[in-house]
């Protein structure tokens, strides 16, 4: 577990996960909050943050697991 967390915190994984998060999170925010955006209402900040955090966490975890399996070969 410590090894996985160490890999998640490497600059390469963080950079890659951030790129994925920006693309996927933006798409999710547009899809999930489209009505609020068109109506000129405020965006729900909690949903906005979750729409970016979930793809970041999934991408970072997946990247670290892939590196772990490459190292263990």
N, C-alpha and C. Protein backbone atom coordinates (compact mmCIF):
# COMPACT_ATOMS: atom_id res chain seq x y z
N UNK A 1 0.83 -1.19 0.00
CA UNK A 1 0.00 0.00 0.00
C UNK A 1 0.87 1.26 0.00
N UNK A 2 1.94 1.25 0.80
CA UNK A 2 2.83 2.41 0.83
C UNK A 2 3.47 2.63 -0.53
N UNK A 3 3.82 1.54 -1.20
CA UNK A 3 4.43 1.64 -2.53
C UNK A 3 3.45 2.27 -3.52
N UNK A 4 2.19 1.87 -3.43
CA UNK A 4 1.17 2.41 -4.32
C UNK A 4 0.98 3.91 -4.09
N UNK A 5 0.92 4.31 -2.84
CA UNK A 5 0.77 5.74 -2.52
C UNK A 5 2.00 6.51 -2.99
N UNK A 6 3.18 5.94 -2.80
CA UNK A 6 4.40 6.59 -3.27
C UNK A 6 4.36 6.78 -4.78
N UNK A 7 3.90 5.79 -5.51
CA UNK A 7 3.80 5.91 -6.97
C UNK A 7 2.76 6.94 -7.39
N UNK A 8 1.63 6.98 -6.67
CA UNK A 8 0.59 7.96 -6.99
C UNK A 8 1.12 9.38 -6.85
N UNK A 9 2.03 9.61 -5.90
CA UNK A 9 2.54 10.95 -5.64
C UNK A 9 3.72 11.34 -6.52
N UNK A 10 4.10 10.50 -7.47
CA UNK A 10 5.19 10.86 -8.38
C UNK A 10 4.71 11.90 -9.37
N UNK A 11 5.59 12.80 -9.79
CA UNK A 11 5.18 13.88 -10.72
C UNK A 11 4.57 13.36 -12.02
N UNK A 12 5.08 12.24 -12.54
CA UNK A 12 4.56 11.71 -13.79
C UNK A 12 3.09 11.29 -13.65
N UNK A 13 2.76 10.61 -12.58
CA UNK A 13 1.39 10.16 -12.35
C UNK A 13 0.48 11.37 -12.08
N UNK A 14 0.93 12.30 -11.26
CA UNK A 14 0.12 13.47 -10.94
C UNK A 14 -0.15 14.29 -12.20
N UNK A 15 0.86 14.48 -13.03
CA UNK A 15 0.69 15.25 -14.27
C UNK A 15 -0.31 14.56 -15.20
N UNK A 16 -0.17 13.27 -15.37
CA UNK A 16 -1.07 12.52 -16.24
C UNK A 16 -2.50 12.53 -15.70
N UNK A 17 -2.66 12.30 -14.42
CA UNK A 17 -3.99 12.30 -13.81
C UNK A 17 -4.64 13.67 -13.87
N UNK A 18 -3.84 14.72 -13.76
CA UNK A 18 -4.38 16.08 -13.85
C UNK A 18 -4.92 16.35 -15.26
N UNK A 19 -4.19 15.92 -16.27
CA UNK A 19 -4.66 16.11 -17.65
C UNK A 19 -5.98 15.37 -17.87
N UNK A 20 -6.04 14.13 -17.43
CA UNK A 20 -7.27 13.36 -17.57
C UNK A 20 -8.41 14.03 -16.83
N UNK A 21 -8.14 14.48 -15.61
CA UNK A 21 -9.14 15.12 -14.78
C UNK A 21 -9.69 16.39 -15.42
N UNK A 22 -8.82 17.18 -16.02
CA UNK A 22 -9.28 18.42 -16.65
C UNK A 22 -10.21 18.14 -17.82
N UNK A 23 -9.89 17.16 -18.62
CA UNK A 23 -10.74 16.84 -19.78
C UNK A 23 -12.05 16.19 -19.33
N UNK A 24 -11.94 15.11 -18.56
CA UNK A 24 -13.13 14.37 -18.15
C UNK A 24 -13.99 15.20 -17.21
N UNK A 25 -13.36 15.90 -16.26
CA UNK A 25 -14.11 16.72 -15.32
C UNK A 25 -14.88 17.83 -15.99
N UNK A 26 -14.28 18.45 -16.99
CA UNK A 26 -14.97 19.51 -17.72
C UNK A 26 -16.17 18.95 -18.47
N UNK A 27 -15.99 17.81 -19.13
CA UNK A 27 -17.11 17.18 -19.82
C UNK A 27 -18.23 16.80 -18.84
N UNK A 28 -17.85 16.23 -17.71
CA UNK A 28 -18.86 15.87 -16.71
C UNK A 28 -19.60 17.09 -16.18
N UNK A 29 -18.87 18.17 -15.95
CA UNK A 29 -19.53 19.39 -15.46
C UNK A 29 -20.50 19.95 -16.49
N UNK A 30 -20.10 19.95 -17.74
CA UNK A 30 -21.01 20.44 -18.78
C UNK A 30 -22.25 19.55 -18.87
N UNK A 31 -22.05 18.24 -18.84
CA UNK A 31 -23.19 17.32 -18.93
C UNK A 31 -24.09 17.44 -17.70
N UNK A 32 -23.49 17.42 -16.51
CA UNK A 32 -24.28 17.38 -15.27
C UNK A 32 -24.89 18.72 -14.88
N UNK A 33 -24.31 19.83 -15.32
CA UNK A 33 -24.81 21.14 -14.88
C UNK A 33 -25.27 22.01 -16.03
N UNK A 34 -25.54 21.40 -17.17
CA UNK A 34 -25.92 22.13 -18.36
C UNK A 34 -27.14 23.02 -18.13
N UNK A 35 -28.14 22.50 -17.43
CA UNK A 35 -29.36 23.28 -17.18
C UNK A 35 -29.07 24.54 -16.37
N UNK A 36 -28.21 24.41 -15.37
CA UNK A 36 -27.86 25.55 -14.53
C UNK A 36 -27.06 26.59 -15.31
N UNK A 37 -26.19 26.12 -16.18
CA UNK A 37 -25.37 27.03 -16.98
C UNK A 37 -26.26 27.80 -17.95
N UNK A 38 -27.17 27.11 -18.63
CA UNK A 38 -28.06 27.78 -19.58
C UNK A 38 -29.02 28.74 -18.90
N UNK A 39 -29.46 28.40 -17.69
CA UNK A 39 -30.40 29.25 -16.96
C UNK A 39 -29.72 30.44 -16.30
N UNK A 40 -28.39 30.45 -16.33
CA UNK A 40 -27.65 31.54 -15.71
C UNK A 40 -27.59 31.44 -14.20
N UNK A 41 -27.89 30.26 -13.67
CA UNK A 41 -27.83 30.05 -12.22
C UNK A 41 -26.41 29.69 -11.83
N UNK A 42 -26.14 29.75 -10.57
CA UNK A 42 -24.81 29.38 -10.09
C UNK A 42 -24.54 27.90 -10.23
N UNK A 43 -23.29 27.59 -10.44
CA UNK A 43 -22.88 26.19 -10.54
C UNK A 43 -22.73 25.63 -9.13
N UNK A 44 -23.12 24.38 -8.95
CA UNK A 44 -22.99 23.73 -7.65
C UNK A 44 -21.51 23.36 -7.44
N UNK A 45 -20.87 24.04 -6.51
CA UNK A 45 -19.44 23.90 -6.30
C UNK A 45 -19.06 22.50 -5.86
N UNK A 46 -19.85 21.90 -5.00
CA UNK A 46 -19.56 20.54 -4.54
C UNK A 46 -19.53 19.55 -5.70
N UNK A 47 -20.50 19.65 -6.58
CA UNK A 47 -20.53 18.78 -7.75
C UNK A 47 -19.37 19.08 -8.68
N UNK A 48 -19.05 20.34 -8.82
CA UNK A 48 -17.92 20.73 -9.67
C UNK A 48 -16.63 20.08 -9.18
N UNK A 49 -16.38 20.17 -7.89
CA UNK A 49 -15.16 19.59 -7.33
C UNK A 49 -15.14 18.07 -7.47
N UNK A 50 -16.27 17.43 -7.23
CA UNK A 50 -16.33 15.97 -7.35
C UNK A 50 -16.13 15.52 -8.79
N UNK A 51 -16.65 16.31 -9.74
CA UNK A 51 -16.50 15.96 -11.15
C UNK A 51 -15.04 16.02 -11.60
N UNK A 52 -14.21 16.75 -10.89
CA UNK A 52 -12.77 16.77 -11.19
C UNK A 52 -12.00 15.77 -10.34
N UNK A 53 -12.40 15.60 -9.09
CA UNK A 53 -11.65 14.73 -8.18
C UNK A 53 -11.78 13.25 -8.52
N UNK A 54 -12.96 12.82 -8.91
CA UNK A 54 -13.17 11.40 -9.19
C UNK A 54 -12.30 10.94 -10.38
N UNK A 55 -12.32 11.64 -11.52
CA UNK A 55 -11.43 11.20 -12.60
C UNK A 55 -9.95 11.27 -12.22
N UNK A 56 -9.57 12.27 -11.41
CA UNK A 56 -8.18 12.37 -10.98
C UNK A 56 -7.79 11.14 -10.16
N UNK A 57 -8.62 10.79 -9.20
CA UNK A 57 -8.32 9.64 -8.33
C UNK A 57 -8.28 8.34 -9.11
N UNK A 58 -9.23 8.15 -10.02
CA UNK A 58 -9.28 6.92 -10.81
C UNK A 58 -8.04 6.83 -11.70
N UNK A 59 -7.69 7.94 -12.34
CA UNK A 59 -6.53 7.95 -13.23
C UNK A 59 -5.23 7.73 -12.46
N UNK A 60 -5.08 8.39 -11.33
CA UNK A 60 -3.87 8.24 -10.53
C UNK A 60 -3.73 6.81 -10.01
N UNK A 61 -4.81 6.25 -9.52
CA UNK A 61 -4.78 4.87 -9.03
C UNK A 61 -4.46 3.89 -10.16
N UNK A 62 -5.10 4.07 -11.29
CA UNK A 62 -4.86 3.18 -12.44
C UNK A 62 -3.42 3.27 -12.92
N UNK A 63 -2.89 4.49 -12.99
CA UNK A 63 -1.50 4.67 -13.40
C UNK A 63 -0.53 4.02 -12.45
N UNK A 64 -0.77 4.16 -11.16
CA UNK A 64 0.11 3.57 -10.16
C UNK A 64 0.02 2.04 -10.19
N UNK A 65 -1.18 1.50 -10.37
CA UNK A 65 -1.32 0.05 -10.47
C UNK A 65 -0.61 -0.49 -11.71
N UNK A 66 -0.69 0.23 -12.81
CA UNK A 66 -0.01 -0.20 -14.04
C UNK A 66 1.50 -0.20 -13.83
N UNK A 67 2.02 0.83 -13.18
CA UNK A 67 3.46 0.86 -12.88
C UNK A 67 3.87 -0.27 -11.95
N UNK A 68 3.04 -0.55 -10.98
CA UNK A 68 3.32 -1.64 -10.03
C UNK A 68 3.40 -2.97 -10.77
N UNK A 69 2.47 -3.20 -11.69
CA UNK A 69 2.51 -4.48 -12.41
C UNK A 69 3.72 -4.56 -13.35
N UNK A 70 4.16 -3.44 -13.90
CA UNK A 70 5.36 -3.43 -14.74
C UNK A 70 6.61 -3.70 -13.90
N UNK A 71 6.65 -3.12 -12.71
CA UNK A 71 7.81 -3.30 -11.83
C UNK A 71 7.90 -4.75 -11.37
N UNK A 72 6.75 -5.38 -11.11
CA UNK A 72 6.71 -6.75 -10.59
C UNK A 72 6.98 -7.81 -11.64
N UNK A 73 7.08 -7.44 -12.91
CA UNK A 73 7.35 -8.44 -13.96
C UNK A 73 8.76 -8.90 -13.95
